[in-house]
Amino acid sequence: MRPCDLMAADIALFSRKILNTAEFDELSVLEQRECEDALAAAKAAAAAYTGLDIEATEQEDLAYAVKVLAAEMIDNHQITTQYTGKNPVAMQIMDLHSTNLLPSVEE
């Protein structure tokens, strides 16, 4: 799955709000919106970190990083109760694809 294929239902499933994507419609409007907002924010964070166009990239592992980031946005105590810092799984995946830390041709 590519990051552009992710839907709010995928985030709800990954963050264990539902047991299958068909249950997404049973969530309250507030919970659905929370998943949609977390997905949009996680995509933006991954794009800013890697320098990639998340909607155009074919890097399927970035979809997992986006899901991890979105789940932490929904349930942020997952990261703060275990350690302080960034999620190592998401950071490792995004580090693999980071283009904005590389020197440019002009340099």
PDB file of N, CA and C in Angstrom:
ATOM      1  N   MET A   1       0.837  -1.178   0.000  1.00  0.00           N
ATOM      2  CA  MET A   1       0.000   0.000   0.000  1.00  0.00           C
ATOM      3  C   MET A   1       0.884   1.245   0.000  1.00  0.00           C
ATOM      4  N   ARG A   2       0.564   2.184  -0.855  1.00  0.00           N
ATOM      5  CA  ARG A   2       1.290   3.451  -0.917  1.00  0.00           C
ATOM      6  C   ARG A   2       0.630   4.457   0.022  1.00  0.00           C
ATOM      7  N   PRO A   3       1.376   5.476   0.456  1.00  0.00           N
ATOM      8  CA  PRO A   3       0.783   6.471   1.344  1.00  0.00           C
ATOM      9  C   PRO A   3      -0.483   7.125   0.771  1.00  0.00           C
ATOM     10  N   CYS A   4      -0.522   7.319  -0.532  1.00  0.00           N
ATOM     11  CA  CYS A   4      -1.700   7.961  -1.134  1.00  0.00           C
ATOM     12  C   CYS A   4      -2.929   7.063  -1.072  1.00  0.00           C
ATOM     13  N   ASP A   5      -2.746   5.773  -0.861  1.00  0.00           N
ATOM     14  CA  ASP A   5      -3.864   4.834  -0.787  1.00  0.00           C
ATOM     15  C   ASP A   5      -4.486   4.753   0.607  1.00  0.00           C
ATOM     16  N   LEU A   6      -3.817   5.335   1.587  1.00  0.00           N
ATOM     17  CA  LEU A   6      -4.317   5.275   2.961  1.00  0.00           C
ATOM     18  C   LEU A   6      -5.611   6.061   3.104  1.00  0.00           C
ATOM     19  N   MET A   7      -6.511   5.506   3.882  1.00  0.00           N
ATOM     20  CA  MET A   7      -7.790   6.143   4.177  1.00  0.00           C
ATOM     21  C   MET A   7      -7.912   6.283   5.694  1.00  0.00           C
ATOM     22  N   ALA A   8      -8.827   7.126   6.128  1.00  0.00           N
ATOM     23  CA  ALA A   8      -9.051   7.311   7.562  1.00  0.00           C
ATOM     24  C   ALA A   8      -9.419   5.985   8.239  1.00  0.00           C
ATOM     25  N   ALA A   9     -10.123   5.118   7.520  1.00  0.00           N
ATOM     26  CA  ALA A   9     -10.479   3.802   8.077  1.00  0.00           C
ATOM     27  C   ALA A   9      -9.233   2.975   8.370  1.00  0.00           C
ATOM     28  N   ASP A  10      -8.197   3.109   7.554  1.00  0.00           N
ATOM     29  CA  ASP A  10      -6.941   2.388   7.801  1.00  0.00           C
ATOM     30  C   ASP A  10      -6.299   2.863   9.098  1.00  0.00           C
ATOM     31  N   ILE A  11      -6.406   4.160   9.368  1.00  0.00           N
ATOM     32  CA  ILE A  11      -5.846   4.719  10.594  1.00  0.00           C
ATOM     33  C   ILE A  11      -6.652   4.245  11.797  1.00  0.00           C
ATOM     34  N   ALA A  12      -7.965   4.223  11.672  1.00  0.00           N
ATOM     35  CA  ALA A  12      -8.818   3.730  12.765  1.00  0.00           C
ATOM     36  C   ALA A  12      -8.507   2.266  13.064  1.00  0.00           C
ATOM     37  N   LEU A  13      -8.294   1.485  12.035  1.00  0.00           N
ATOM     38  CA  LEU A  13      -7.949   0.067  12.212  1.00  0.00           C
ATOM     39  C   LEU A  13      -6.579  -0.083  12.859  1.00  0.00           C
ATOM     40  N   PHE A  14      -5.604   0.673  12.379  1.00  0.00           N
ATOM     41  CA  PHE A  14      -4.239   0.587  12.899  1.00  0.00           C
ATOM     42  C   PHE A  14      -4.174   1.042  14.357  1.00  0.00           C
ATOM     43  N   SER A  15      -4.979   2.038  14.712  1.00  0.00           N
ATOM     44  CA  SER A  15      -4.969   2.545  16.084  1.00  0.00           C
ATOM     45  C   SER A  15      -5.959   1.789  16.982  1.00  0.00           C
ATOM     46  N   ARG A  16      -6.528   0.729  16.455  1.00  0.00           N
ATOM     47  CA  ARG A  16      -7.407  -0.188  17.188  1.00  0.00           C
ATOM     48  C   ARG A  16      -8.709   0.446  17.669  1.00  0.00           C
ATOM     49  N   LYS A  17      -9.192   1.401  16.916  1.00  0.00           N
ATOM     50  CA  LYS A  17     -10.519   1.954  17.203  1.00  0.00           C
ATOM     51  C   LYS A  17     -11.604   1.021  16.657  1.00  0.00           C
ATOM     52  N   ILE A  18     -11.248   0.266  15.603  1.00  0.00           N
ATOM     53  CA  ILE A  18     -12.166  -0.684  14.974  1.00  0.00           C
ATOM     54  C   ILE A  18     -11.420  -1.984  14.718  1.00  0.00           C
ATOM     55  N   LEU A  19     -12.176  -3.056  14.456  1.00  0.00           N
ATOM     56  CA  LEU A  19     -11.560  -4.363  14.194  1.00  0.00           C
ATOM     57  C   LEU A  19     -11.457  -4.681  12.707  1.00  0.00           C
ATOM     58  N   ASN A  20     -12.256  -4.001  11.886  1.00  0.00           N
ATOM     59  CA  ASN A  20     -12.133  -4.120  10.432  1.00  0.00           C
ATOM     60  C   ASN A  20     -12.631  -2.813   9.818  1.00  0.00           C
ATOM     61  N   THR A  21     -12.201  -2.543   8.618  1.00  0.00           N
ATOM     62  CA  THR A  21     -12.493  -1.239   8.010  1.00  0.00           C
ATOM     63  C   THR A  21     -13.982  -1.022   7.770  1.00  0.00           C
ATOM     64  N   ALA A  22     -14.762  -2.090   7.696  1.00  0.00           N
ATOM     65  CA  ALA A  22     -16.202  -1.946   7.500  1.00  0.00           C
ATOM     66  C   ALA A  22     -16.865  -1.274   8.699  1.00  0.00           C
ATOM     67  N   GLU A  23     -16.232  -1.322   9.858  1.00  0.00           N
ATOM     68  CA  GLU A  23     -16.790  -0.721  11.070  1.00  0.00           C
ATOM     69  C   GLU A  23     -16.556   0.788  11.149  1.00  0.00           C
ATOM     70  N   PHE A  24     -15.809   1.350  10.216  1.00  0.00           N
ATOM     71  CA  PHE A  24     -15.484   2.772  10.279  1.00  0.00           C
ATOM     72  C   PHE A  24     -16.738   3.649  10.324  1.00  0.00           C
ATOM     73  N   ASP A  25     -17.746   3.292   9.566  1.00  0.00           N
ATOM     74  CA  ASP A  25     -18.978   4.086   9.532  1.00  0.00           C
ATOM     75  C   ASP A  25     -19.725   4.063  10.863  1.00  0.00           C
ATOM     76  N   GLU A  26     -19.413   3.098  11.713  1.00  0.00           N
ATOM     77  CA  GLU A  26     -20.068   3.001  13.017  1.00  0.00           C
ATOM     78  C   GLU A  26     -19.432   3.935  14.052  1.00  0.00           C
ATOM     79  N   LEU A  27     -18.259   4.466  13.743  1.00  0.00           N
ATOM     80  CA  LEU A  27     -17.622   5.417  14.651  1.00  0.00           C
ATOM     81  C   LEU A  27     -18.407   6.719  14.670  1.00  0.00           C
ATOM     82  N   SER A  28     -18.270   7.459  15.747  1.00  0.00           N
ATOM     83  CA  SER A  28     -18.921   8.768  15.809  1.00  0.00           C
ATOM     84  C   SER A  28     -18.266   9.699  14.783  1.00  0.00           C
ATOM     85  N   VAL A  29     -18.957  10.747  14.441  1.00  0.00           N
ATOM     86  CA  VAL A  29     -18.421  11.727  13.497  1.00  0.00           C
ATOM     87  C   VAL A  29     -17.120  12.311  14.047  1.00  0.00           C
ATOM     88  N   LEU A  30     -17.071  12.537  15.346  1.00  0.00           N
ATOM     89  CA  LEU A  30     -15.873  13.084  15.981  1.00  0.00           C
ATOM     90  C   LEU A  30     -14.682  12.127  15.838  1.00  0.00           C
ATOM     91  N   GLU A  31     -14.923  10.829  16.040  1.00  0.00           N
ATOM     92  CA  GLU A  31     -13.841   9.852  15.911  1.00  0.00           C
ATOM     93  C   GLU A  31     -13.390   9.707  14.460  1.00  0.00           C
ATOM     94  N   GLN A  32     -14.324   9.748  13.535  1.00  0.00           N
ATOM     95  CA  GLN A  32     -13.967   9.685  12.115  1.00  0.00           C
ATOM     96  C   GLN A  32     -13.112  10.886  11.743  1.00  0.00           C
ATOM     97  N   ARG A  33     -13.531  12.058  12.205  1.00  0.00           N
ATOM     98  CA  ARG A  33     -12.785  13.295  11.905  1.00  0.00           C
ATOM     99  C   ARG A  33     -11.393  13.251  12.523  1.00  0.00           C
ATOM    100  N   GLU A  34     -11.288  12.683  13.726  1.00  0.00           N
ATOM    101  CA  GLU A  34      -9.992  12.543  14.388  1.00  0.00           C
ATOM    102  C   GLU A  34      -9.043  11.701  13.532  1.00  0.00           C
ATOM    103  N   CYS A  35      -9.539  10.624  12.967  1.00  0.00           N
ATOM    104  CA  CYS A  35      -8.718   9.756  12.109  1.00  0.00           C
ATOM    105  C   CYS A  35      -8.346  10.472  10.810  1.00  0.00           C
ATOM    106  N   GLU A  36      -9.276  11.211  10.235  1.00  0.00           N
ATOM    107  CA  GLU A  36      -8.993  11.961   9.012  1.00  0.00           C
ATOM    108  C   GLU A  36      -7.934  13.032   9.265  1.00  0.00           C
ATOM    109  N   ASP A  37      -8.071  13.749  10.370  1.00  0.00           N
ATOM    110  CA  ASP A  37      -7.109  14.801  10.704  1.00  0.00           C
ATOM    111  C   ASP A  37      -5.728  14.220  10.995  1.00  0.00           C
ATOM    112  N   ALA A  38      -5.693  13.103  11.731  1.00  0.00           N
ATOM    113  CA  ALA A  38      -4.411  12.465  12.055  1.00  0.00           C
ATOM    114  C   ALA A  38      -3.725  11.970  10.783  1.00  0.00           C
ATOM    115  N   LEU A  39      -4.489  11.430   9.853  1.00  0.00           N
ATOM    116  CA  LEU A  39      -3.920  10.967   8.585  1.00  0.00           C
ATOM    117  C   LEU A  39      -3.319  12.134   7.807  1.00  0.00           C
ATOM    118  N   ALA A  40      -4.059  13.223   7.706  1.00  0.00           N
ATOM    119  CA  ALA A  40      -3.565  14.386   6.970  1.00  0.00           C
ATOM    120  C   ALA A  40      -2.301  14.954   7.624  1.00  0.00           C
ATOM    121  N   ALA A  41      -2.310  15.044   8.943  1.00  0.00           N
ATOM    122  CA  ALA A  41      -1.150  15.576   9.658  1.00  0.00           C
ATOM    123  C   ALA A  41       0.057  14.643   9.542  1.00  0.00           C
ATOM    124  N   ALA A  42      -0.172  13.349   9.609  1.00  0.00           N
ATOM    125  CA  ALA A  42       0.931  12.383   9.501  1.00  0.00           C
ATOM    126  C   ALA A  42       1.541  12.415   8.100  1.00  0.00           C
ATOM    127  N   LYS A  43       0.709  12.542   7.082  1.00  0.00           N
ATOM    128  CA  LYS A  43       1.228  12.663   5.712  1.00  0.00           C
ATOM    129  C   LYS A  43       2.059  13.933   5.567  1.00  0.00           C
ATOM    130  N   ALA A  44       1.572  15.020   6.142  1.00  0.00           N
ATOM    131  CA  ALA A  44       2.310  16.285   6.071  1.00  0.00           C
ATOM    132  C   ALA A  44       3.643  16.181   6.806  1.00  0.00           C
ATOM    133  N   ALA A  45       3.646  15.542   7.961  1.00  0.00           N
ATOM    134  CA  ALA A  45       4.886  15.375   8.727  1.00  0.00           C
ATOM    135  C   ALA A  45       5.884  14.515   7.967  1.00  0.00           C
ATOM    136  N   ALA A  46       5.417  13.427   7.371  1.00  0.00           N
ATOM    137  CA  ALA A  46       6.301  12.548   6.604  1.00  0.00           C
ATOM    138  C   ALA A  46       6.846  13.272   5.378  1.00  0.00           C
ATOM    139  N   ALA A  47       6.012  14.058   4.719  1.00  0.00           N
ATOM    140  CA  ALA A  47       6.452  14.817   3.547  1.00  0.00           C
ATOM    141  C   ALA A  47       7.496  15.854   3.930  1.00  0.00           C
ATOM    142  N   ALA A  48       7.249  16.557   5.032  1.00  0.00           N
ATOM    143  CA  ALA A  48       8.199  17.577   5.474  1.00  0.00           C
ATOM    144  C   ALA A  48       9.523  16.953   5.883  1.00  0.00           C
ATOM    145  N   TYR A  49       9.463  15.809   6.543  1.00  0.00           N
ATOM    146  CA  TYR A  49      10.681  15.162   7.018  1.00  0.00           C
ATOM    147  C   TYR A  49      11.501  14.592   5.857  1.00  0.00           C
ATOM    148  N   THR A  50      10.837  13.914   4.927  1.00  0.00           N
ATOM    149  CA  THR A  50      11.561  13.243   3.845  1.00  0.00           C
ATOM    150  C   THR A  50      11.843  14.148   2.657  1.00  0.00           C
ATOM    151  N   GLY A  51      11.032  15.173   2.471  1.00  0.00           N
ATOM    152  CA  GLY A  51      11.167  16.011   1.290  1.00  0.00           C
ATOM    153  C   GLY A  51      10.504  15.401   0.070  1.00  0.00           C
ATOM    154  N   LEU A  52       9.757  14.313   0.269  1.00  0.00           N
ATOM    155  CA  LEU A  52       9.078  13.638  -0.838  1.00  0.00           C
ATOM    156  C   LEU A  52       7.645  14.127  -0.960  1.00  0.00           C
ATOM    157  N   ASP A  53       7.092  13.995  -2.153  1.00  0.00           N
ATOM    158  CA  ASP A  53       5.670  14.238  -2.360  1.00  0.00           C
ATOM    159  C   ASP A  53       4.962  12.949  -1.945  1.00  0.00           C
ATOM    160  N   ILE A  54       4.371  12.955  -0.770  1.00  0.00           N
ATOM    161  CA  ILE A  54       3.767  11.751  -0.208  1.00  0.00           C
ATOM    162  C   ILE A  54       2.639  11.220  -1.079  1.00  0.00           C
ATOM    163  N   GLU A  55       1.925  12.097  -1.739  1.00  0.00           N
ATOM    164  CA  GLU A  55       0.820  11.651  -2.588  1.00  0.00           C
ATOM    165  C   GLU A  55       1.306  11.030  -3.900  1.00  0.00           C
ATOM    166  N   ALA A  56       2.556  11.258  -4.264  1.00  0.00           N
ATOM    167  CA  ALA A  56       3.072  10.732  -5.528  1.00  0.00           C
ATOM    168  C   ALA A  56       4.089   9.613  -5.342  1.00  0.00           C
ATOM    169  N   THR A  57       4.635   9.462  -4.143  1.00  0.00           N
ATOM    170  CA  THR A  57       5.697   8.476  -3.950  1.00  0.00           C
ATOM    171  C   THR A  57       5.179   7.045  -4.054  1.00  0.00           C
ATOM    172  N   GLU A  58       6.021   6.188  -4.557  1.00  0.00           N
ATOM    173  CA  GLU A  58       5.704   4.763  -4.674  1.00  0.00           C
ATOM    174  C   GLU A  58       6.308   3.967  -3.515  1.00  0.00           C
ATOM    175  N   GLN A  59       6.927   4.649  -2.553  1.00  0.00           N
ATOM    176  CA  GLN A  59       7.585   3.988  -1.420  1.00  0.00           C
ATOM    177  C   GLN A  59       6.526   3.433  -0.469  1.00  0.00           C
ATOM    178  N   GLU A  60       6.267   2.132  -0.567  1.00  0.00           N
ATOM    179  CA  GLU A  60       5.196   1.533   0.219  1.00  0.00           C
ATOM    180  C   GLU A  60       5.501   1.507   1.712  1.00  0.00           C
ATOM    181  N   ASP A  61       6.774   1.453   2.089  1.00  0.00           N
ATOM    182  CA  ASP A  61       7.075   1.417   3.521  1.00  0.00           C
ATOM    183  C   ASP A  61       6.740   2.738   4.212  1.00  0.00           C
ATOM    184  N   LEU A  62       6.679   3.816   3.459  1.00  0.00           N
ATOM    185  CA  LEU A  62       6.291   5.092   4.054  1.00  0.00           C
ATOM    186  C   LEU A  62       4.830   5.086   4.512  1.00  0.00           C
ATOM    187  N   ALA A  63       4.011   4.244   3.914  1.00  0.00           N
ATOM    188  CA  ALA A  63       2.618   4.133   4.367  1.00  0.00           C
ATOM    189  C   ALA A  63       2.582   3.642   5.811  1.00  0.00           C
ATOM    190  N   TYR A  64       3.469   2.727   6.154  1.00  0.00           N
ATOM    191  CA  TYR A  64       3.521   2.244   7.533  1.00  0.00           C
ATOM    192  C   TYR A  64       3.974   3.352   8.467  1.00  0.00           C
ATOM    193  N   ALA A  65       4.960   4.121   8.056  1.00  0.00           N
ATOM    194  CA  ALA A  65       5.421   5.244   8.884  1.00  0.00           C
ATOM    195  C   ALA A  65       4.298   6.246   9.097  1.00  0.00           C
ATOM    196  N   VAL A  66       3.521   6.510   8.062  1.00  0.00           N
ATOM    197  CA  VAL A  66       2.392   7.430   8.181  1.00  0.00           C
ATOM    198  C   VAL A  66       1.367   6.871   9.165  1.00  0.00           C
ATOM    199  N   LYS A  67       1.101   5.556   9.094  1.00  0.00           N
ATOM    200  CA  LYS A  67       0.151   4.953  10.032  1.00  0.00           C
ATOM    201  C   LYS A  67       0.655   5.039  11.466  1.00  0.00           C
ATOM    202  N   VAL A  68       1.941   4.817  11.679  1.00  0.00           N
ATOM    203  CA  VAL A  68       2.519   4.913  13.018  1.00  0.00           C
ATOM    204  C   VAL A  68       2.380   6.336  13.552  1.00  0.00           C
ATOM    205  N   LEU A  69       2.732   7.306  12.729  1.00  0.00           N
ATOM    206  CA  LEU A  69       2.626   8.707  13.142  1.00  0.00           C
ATOM    207  C   LEU A  69       1.180   9.089  13.446  1.00  0.00           C
ATOM    208  N   ALA A  70       0.260   8.666  12.605  1.00  0.00           N
ATOM    209  CA  ALA A  70      -1.152   9.001  12.807  1.00  0.00           C
ATOM    210  C   ALA A  70      -1.688   8.351  14.085  1.00  0.00           C
ATOM    211  N   ALA A  71      -1.306   7.109  14.322  1.00  0.00           N
ATOM    212  CA  ALA A  71      -1.763   6.425  15.537  1.00  0.00           C
ATOM    213  C   ALA A  71      -1.240   7.122  16.783  1.00  0.00           C
ATOM    214  N   GLU A  72      -0.003   7.612  16.724  1.00  0.00           N
ATOM    215  CA  GLU A  72       0.543   8.340  17.871  1.00  0.00           C
ATOM    216  C   GLU A  72      -0.157   9.671  18.076  1.00  0.00           C
ATOM    217  N   MET A  73      -0.602  10.281  16.998  1.00  0.00           N
ATOM    218  CA  MET A  73      -1.345  11.532  17.132  1.00  0.00           C
ATOM    219  C   MET A  73      -2.695  11.284  17.794  1.00  0.00           C
ATOM    220  N   ILE A  74      -3.291  10.146  17.501  1.00  0.00           N
ATOM    221  CA  ILE A  74      -4.574   9.793  18.105  1.00  0.00           C
ATOM    222  C   ILE A  74      -4.381   9.379  19.559  1.00  0.00           C
ATOM    223  N   ASP A  75      -3.357   8.624  19.820  1.00  0.00           N
ATOM    224  CA  ASP A  75      -3.122   8.096  21.159  1.00  0.00           C
ATOM    225  C   ASP A  75      -1.710   8.472  21.582  1.00  0.00           C
ATOM    226  N   ASN A  76      -1.473   9.766  21.808  1.00  0.00           N
ATOM    227  CA  ASN A  76      -0.115  10.266  22.000  1.00  0.00           C
ATOM    228  C   ASN A  76       0.569   9.764  23.254  1.00  0.00           C
ATOM    229  N   HIS A  77      -0.147   9.142  24.169  1.00  0.00           N
ATOM    230  CA  HIS A  77       0.548   8.633  25.343  1.00  0.00           C
ATOM    231  C   HIS A  77       1.380   7.402  25.038  1.00  0.00           C
ATOM    232  N   GLN A  78       1.192   6.783  23.873  1.00  0.00           N
ATOM    233  CA  GLN A  78       2.015   5.636  23.496  1.00  0.00           C
ATOM    234  C   GLN A  78       3.491   6.006  23.499  1.00  0.00           C
ATOM    235  N   ILE A  79       3.804   7.160  22.988  1.00  0.00           N
ATOM    236  CA  ILE A  79       5.211   7.557  22.892  1.00  0.00           C
ATOM    237  C   ILE A  79       5.702   8.193  24.195  1.00  0.00           C
ATOM    238  N   THR A  80       4.883   8.990  24.836  1.00  0.00           N
ATOM    239  CA  THR A  80       5.361   9.722  25.998  1.00  0.00           C
ATOM    240  C   THR A  80       5.480   8.864  27.243  1.00  0.00           C
ATOM    241  N   THR A  81       4.732   7.770  27.337  1.00  0.00           N
ATOM    242  CA  THR A  81       4.848   6.929  28.519  1.00  0.00           C
ATOM    243  C   THR A  81       6.020   5.968  28.424  1.00  0.00           C
ATOM    244  N   GLN A  82       6.488   5.706  27.229  1.00  0.00           N
ATOM    245  CA  GLN A  82       7.587   4.758  27.056  1.00  0.00           C
ATOM    246  C   GLN A  82       8.946   5.441  27.047  1.00  0.00           C
ATOM    247  N   TYR A  83       9.047   6.569  26.423  1.00  0.00           N
ATOM    248  CA  TYR A  83      10.314   7.279  26.278  1.00  0.00           C
ATOM    249  C   TYR A  83      10.030   8.671  25.759  1.00  0.00           C
ATOM    250  N   THR A  84      11.021   9.492  25.794  1.00  0.00           N
ATOM    251  CA  THR A  84      10.859  10.806  25.178  1.00  0.00           C
ATOM    252  C   THR A  84      11.644  10.791  23.872  1.00  0.00           C
ATOM    253  N   GLY A  85      11.129  11.414  22.897  1.00  0.00           N
ATOM    254  CA  GLY A  85      11.798  11.446  21.608  1.00  0.00           C
ATOM    255  C   GLY A  85      10.843  11.051  20.503  1.00  0.00           C
ATOM    256  N   LYS A  86      11.406  10.637  19.408  1.00  0.00           N
ATOM    257  CA  LYS A  86      10.624  10.308  18.228  1.00  0.00           C
ATOM    258  C   LYS A  86      10.474   8.802  18.120  1.00  0.00           C
ATOM    259  N   ASN A  87       9.407   8.376  17.459  1.00  0.00           N
ATOM    260  CA  ASN A  87       9.177   6.950  17.277  1.00  0.00           C
ATOM    261  C   ASN A  87      10.280   6.374  16.402  1.00  0.00           C
ATOM    262  N   PRO A  88      11.035   5.396  16.910  1.00  0.00           N
ATOM    263  CA  PRO A  88      12.174   4.879  16.143  1.00  0.00           C
ATOM    264  C   PRO A  88      11.778   4.159  14.858  1.00  0.00           C
ATOM    265  N   VAL A  89      10.635   3.497  14.834  1.00  0.00           N
ATOM    266  CA  VAL A  89      10.206   2.804  13.619  1.00  0.00           C
ATOM    267  C   VAL A  89       9.908   3.807  12.518  1.00  0.00           C
ATOM    268  N   ALA A  90       9.098   4.796  12.841  1.00  0.00           N
ATOM    269  CA  ALA A  90       8.749   5.810  11.843  1.00  0.00           C
ATOM    270  C   ALA A  90       9.985   6.576  11.385  1.00  0.00           C
ATOM    271  N   MET A  91      10.861   6.924  12.325  1.00  0.00           N
ATOM    272  CA  MET A  91      12.052   7.694  11.970  1.00  0.00           C
ATOM    273  C   MET A  91      12.993   6.882  11.071  1.00  0.00           C
ATOM    274  N   GLN A  92      13.153   5.607  11.359  1.00  0.00           N
ATOM    275  CA  GLN A  92      14.035   4.778  10.533  1.00  0.00           C
ATOM    276  C   GLN A  92      13.504   4.678   9.106  1.00  0.00           C
ATOM    277  N   ILE A  93      12.199   4.484   8.955  1.00  0.00           N
ATOM    278  CA  ILE A  93      11.608   4.393   7.620  1.00  0.00           C
ATOM    279  C   ILE A  93      11.773   5.717   6.880  1.00  0.00           C
ATOM    280  N   MET A  94      11.465   6.825   7.545  1.00  0.00           N
ATOM    281  CA  MET A  94      11.570   8.118   6.876  1.00  0.00           C
ATOM    282  C   MET A  94      13.026   8.484   6.591  1.00  0.00           C
ATOM    283  N   ASP A  95      13.957   8.091   7.453  1.00  0.00           N
ATOM    284  CA  ASP A  95      15.380   8.338   7.184  1.00  0.00           C
ATOM    285  C   ASP A  95      15.835   7.655   5.897  1.00  0.00           C
ATOM    286  N   LEU A  96      15.273   6.500   5.603  1.00  0.00           N
ATOM    287  CA  LEU A  96      15.638   5.776   4.378  1.00  0.00           C
ATOM    288  C   LEU A  96      15.310   6.576   3.121  1.00  0.00           C
ATOM    289  N   HIS A  97      14.301   7.426   3.215  1.00  0.00           N
ATOM    290  CA  HIS A  97      13.812   8.130   2.034  1.00  0.00           C
ATOM    291  C   HIS A  97      14.017   9.639   2.098  1.00  0.00           C
ATOM    292  N   SER A  98      14.715  10.125   3.096  1.00  0.00           N
ATOM    293  CA  SER A  98      14.886  11.558   3.268  1.00  0.00           C
ATOM    294  C   SER A  98      15.720  12.134   2.141  1.00  0.00           C
ATOM    295  N   THR A  99      15.172  13.129   1.467  1.00  0.00           N
ATOM    296  CA  THR A  99      15.893  13.782   0.374  1.00  0.00           C
ATOM    297  C   THR A  99      16.292  15.200   0.740  1.00  0.00           C
ATOM    298  N   ASN A 100      15.647  15.785   1.739  1.00  0.00           N
ATOM    299  CA  ASN A 100      15.911  17.181   2.041  1.00  0.00           C
ATOM    300  C   ASN A 100      17.163  17.381   2.907  1.00  0.00           C
ATOM    301  N   LEU A 101      17.805  16.317   3.344  1.00  0.00           N
ATOM    302  CA  LEU A 101      19.032  16.425   4.097  1.00  0.00           C
ATOM    303  C   LEU A 101      20.266  16.177   3.214  1.00  0.00           C
ATOM    304  N   LEU A 102      20.024  15.813   1.964  1.00  0.00           N
ATOM    305  CA  LEU A 102      21.106  15.539   1.032  1.00  0.00           C
ATOM    306  C   LEU A 102      21.575  16.843   0.379  1.00  0.00           C
ATOM    307  N   PRO A 103      22.859  16.939   0.063  1.00  0.00           N
ATOM    308  CA  PRO A 103      23.325  18.169  -0.615  1.00  0.00           C
ATOM    309  C   PRO A 103      22.692  18.282  -1.998  1.00  0.00           C
ATOM    310  N   SER A 104      22.400  19.481  -2.393  1.00  0.00           N
ATOM    311  CA  SER A 104      21.801  19.699  -3.700  1.00  0.00           C
ATOM    312  C   SER A 104      22.890  19.844  -4.755  1.00  0.00           C
ATOM    313  N   VAL A 105      22.509  19.828  -6.009  1.00  0.00           N
ATOM    314  CA  VAL A 105      23.434  19.951  -7.121  1.00  0.00           C
ATOM    315  C   VAL A 105      24.147  21.308  -7.053  1.00  0.00           C
ATOM    316  N   GLU A 106      23.425  22.341  -6.623  1.00  0.00           N
ATOM    317  CA  GLU A 106      23.995  23.684  -6.550  1.00  0.00           C
ATOM    318  C   GLU A 106      25.124  23.761  -5.540  1.00  0.00           C
ATOM    319  N   GLU A 107      25.039  22.934  -4.495  1.00  0.00           N
ATOM    320  CA  GLU A 107      26.068  22.961  -3.448  1.00  0.00           C
ATOM    321  C   GLU A 107      27.278  22.212  -3.925  1.00  0.00           C
TER     322      GLU A 107
END
